[in-house]
Amino acid sequence: MRILMVTDAWTPQVNGVVQTLTRVIDELKALGHSVEVISPGQFKTFPLPTYPEIKVAIAAHEPVQERFKAFEPEAIHIATEGPLGLAARRICVEWKLPFTTSYHTRFPEYVSARLPLPLAAGYAYMKWFHKPSGRMMVTTPTMKDELERHGFGNISVWSRGVDTEMFHPRRPGEPDIFEGLPRPIFLSVGRVAVEKNIEAFLGLDLPGTKVVVGDGPQREELIERYPGAVFTGARFGADLAAHFACADAFVFPSLTDTFGLVILEAMAAGVPVAAYPAPGPIDIIPGSGAGVLAHSATEGLREACLEALKMDKGAVRAFAEGFSWKACAEDFVKNLQPYPEPEKTRFWRRLRRLTRVRRRRVEATA
């Protein structure tokens, strides 16, 4: 198929959404599909306040229309709810094109953590945005149940994968990234921002050393408040994988993520995970032999961290090997809502004809 992907989150941003989309697109192409991506780098942008690395597209509606016409997609997926997602949604609704969407971030909780806006306002927007979608893809069954309770419909589960070649247990002869630091090493990886709840990890009374890998608007504040913790900044590729492999336990305190790819990356490195029972961890960890959940969303994380230290790293790695990006891409294709062949052909033929008519009218009046 010709698959059009519309996303407000794209490289050079570094986050789970971008990683998921780039890996899935690679797998889709390997499966023989043609994929066109509409992303912020193709438009005029401005930096998002407090997140200058995130660029927001402006004046995108007409250029997005032209991209639709040029590519003539057979299936359309809108991955985010930002300006590009809004432009694509409007076009699909006006042209009566079937499309799918995905719910990558607990947007209402995310906004509420940063701005004085009620959760109800965030959920009202999200329901409005996703309502015309033929299918909304979410990361876990828990997320599906939660959104259905909020009144969302047409939901399908679309899980995630992990690169088990890049992320692997520390091998004999490989250096110890944390040499000289008191053990055990409790590691947290992700954007250093209030919605990630990192302070819940840093405030724990734990032996050894707490290490935070990542960058973000809260980093300087937390460095000052927790001088005993180690903040490495952002790490990528093999360097990031080595940080995972050299840790003793991985701590995931976030309550706003819908999955948490870093959980699978830690497990692929043979590092057991301690987390709160939020969407993502609550679907991955129970019964896995690869991690421990806290008692509640506010208590028990320290105990989970200490229990995680006792787990068999070989069993942790074995669990992660059950996830692959190819399976993730195949699930994505199953969830798409492609145009039926006869309708698709008629639609794009009619649209090309209308475009030519409009162009002749403009030329005649010029």
Foldseek 3Di string as FASTA:
>chain_A
DEEEEEEADEPPDDDDLHVLVVLLVVLCVVVPYHYHYHYQVVADWAADPQGRRRTAHPPCQVVVVVVCLVRLGQFYEYEDDGPRLVSVLVVCVVLVNAYEYEDFWLVLLVCVQPDVDHSVVVLVSVQVSHVRHQAYEAAFPVVVVVVVVVPHDRYDYQHGADDLVQAAADDPPDDQPQPPWFDQEEEEEDEPDRQQVCVLVLPDDDPTAYEYEEYGSCVVVVCVVRVRHHYDYHDDTNRVSSNLNNHLAYERLHQIGQAPVVCLSSLSNLHAYEYECHHRCVRQPVPQLRFFYAPHSRGRRRVRRVVSNPGGSVSSNVSSVVGHSSVSSVVVVVSIDGDPVVVSVVSSVVVVVVVVVVVVVVVVVD
